[in-house]
C-alpha cells in the first residue's frame, strides 16, 4: 500500500499486516525516505514563494508592478475584443452585400 501522508505511513507501519519482523525495517526505511523527500519538496516550494527574500517595500513594489501589468493586459484584451467585434460587423456586411447582389 502506498501512503501519502505521515499519518498514513505510521498507521500502515503499526498495522497488523506490517508486523512481519523482516519487512518492518524495510518499510520503516521506505517511509523515512518518503517523508524526507516530501520535506525537501516542501522546502523547495517555500523557497520559491514570491517575496520570500524581499523586504515588505520590495513586495509592495512588485505587487504594484503586477497591478500595472494586469491593467495593461486587460486594456489589450478589451481592445482585441473591440477589434474582433468590428471585424465581425465587416464580415456580416460583406456577406449581406454578396447576398444582396445575387
Protein backbone atom coordinates (compact mmCIF):
# COMPACT_ATOMS: atom_id res chain seq x y z
CA UNK A 1 0.00 0.00 0.00
CA UNK A 2 1.33 3.41 -0.96
CA UNK A 3 0.96 6.01 1.78
CA UNK A 4 0.77 9.71 1.03
CA UNK A 5 0.82 11.32 4.45
CA UNK A 6 2.91 10.93 7.53
CA UNK A 7 -0.10 9.61 9.45
CA UNK A 8 -0.90 7.04 6.77
CA UNK A 9 2.69 5.83 6.92
CA UNK A 10 2.51 5.48 10.70
CA UNK A 11 -0.86 3.76 10.53
CA UNK A 12 0.41 1.24 7.98
CA UNK A 13 3.65 0.74 9.86
CA UNK A 14 1.69 -0.13 13.01
CA UNK A 15 -0.94 -2.26 11.28
CA UNK A 16 -1.07 -5.99 11.87
CA UNK A 17 -0.02 -6.90 8.32
CA UNK A 18 3.12 -4.79 8.74
CA UNK A 19 4.33 -6.68 11.79
CA UNK A 20 6.47 -9.13 9.83
CA UNK A 21 9.83 -8.73 11.55
CA UNK A 22 11.74 -8.93 8.27
CA UNK A 23 9.58 -6.39 6.49
CA UNK A 24 9.38 -3.86 9.30
CA UNK A 25 12.87 -2.32 8.84
CA UNK A 26 12.39 -2.21 5.07
CA UNK A 27 9.03 -0.47 5.37
CA UNK A 28 10.35 1.87 8.03
CA UNK A 29 13.25 2.90 5.78
CA UNK A 30 10.88 3.33 2.86
CA UNK A 31 8.62 5.61 4.91
CA UNK A 32 11.54 7.61 6.23
CA UNK A 33 12.72 8.11 2.64
CA UNK A 34 9.25 9.24 1.55
CA UNK A 35 8.93 11.65 4.46
CA UNK A 36 12.43 13.04 3.83
CA UNK A 37 11.65 13.54 0.15
CA UNK A 38 8.37 15.28 0.99
CA UNK A 39 10.12 17.61 3.43
CA UNK A 40 12.72 18.50 0.80
CA UNK A 41 9.94 19.23 -1.70
CA UNK A 42 8.22 21.47 0.84
CA UNK A 43 11.49 23.36 1.42
CA UNK A 44 11.83 23.93 -2.33
CA UNK A 45 8.23 25.14 -2.60
CA UNK A 46 8.68 27.54 0.30
CA UNK A 47 11.95 28.89 -1.10
CA UNK A 48 10.23 29.56 -4.43
CA UNK A 49 7.37 31.54 -2.92
CA UNK A 50 7.33 35.07 -4.28
CA UNK A 51 8.73 37.63 -1.91
CA UNK A 52 10.43 35.24 0.50
CA UNK A 53 13.78 37.00 0.10
CA UNK A 54 12.35 40.52 -0.27
CA UNK A 55 11.55 43.33 2.11
CA UNK A 56 7.98 44.48 2.57
CA UNK A 57 8.58 47.56 0.41
CA UNK A 58 10.04 45.38 -2.36
CA UNK A 59 7.00 43.11 -2.17
CA UNK A 60 4.65 46.11 -2.37
CA UNK A 61 6.58 47.45 -5.35
CA UNK A 62 6.35 44.05 -7.06
CA UNK A 63 2.60 43.98 -6.41
CA UNK A 64 2.23 47.47 -7.86
CA UNK A 65 4.16 46.38 -10.95
CA UNK A 66 1.92 43.34 -11.31
CA UNK A 67 -1.15 45.56 -10.95
CA UNK A 68 0.10 47.81 -13.78
CA UNK A 69 0.91 44.78 -15.92
CA UNK A 70 -2.55 43.34 -15.28
CA UNK A 71 -4.24 46.64 -16.20
CA UNK A 72 -2.22 46.83 -19.42
CA UNK A 73 -3.11 43.23 -20.30
CA UNK A 74 -6.78 43.91 -19.55
CA UNK A 75 -6.73 47.00 -21.78
CA UNK A 76 -5.14 44.99 -24.61
CA UNK A 77 -7.76 42.28 -24.11
CA UNK A 78 -10.63 44.77 -24.32
CA UNK A 79 -9.09 46.32 -27.45
CA UNK A 80 -8.80 42.87 -29.03
CA UNK A 81 -12.46 42.18 -28.26
CA UNK A 82 -13.46 45.50 -29.81
CA UNK A 83 -11.38 44.75 -32.91
CA UNK A 84 -12.95 41.29 -33.18
CA UNK A 85 -16.43 42.79 -32.94
CA UNK A 86 -15.58 45.33 -35.66
CA UNK A 87 -14.23 42.57 -37.90
CA UNK A 88 -17.39 40.54 -37.27
CA UNK A 89 -19.51 43.52 -38.37
CA UNK A 90 -17.42 43.87 -41.54
CA UNK A 91 -17.83 40.17 -42.31
CA UNK A 92 -21.59 40.38 -41.79
CA UNK A 93 -21.79 43.44 -44.04
CA UNK A 94 -19.74 41.68 -46.71
CA UNK A 95 -21.98 38.61 -46.56
CA UNK A 96 -25.09 40.78 -46.74
CA UNK A 97 -23.64 42.65 -49.73
CA UNK A 98 -22.89 39.36 -51.51
CA UNK A 99 -26.43 38.09 -50.97
CA UNK A 100 -27.92 41.45 -51.95
CA UNK A 101 -26.09 41.34 -55.29
CA UNK A 102 -27.49 37.92 -56.18
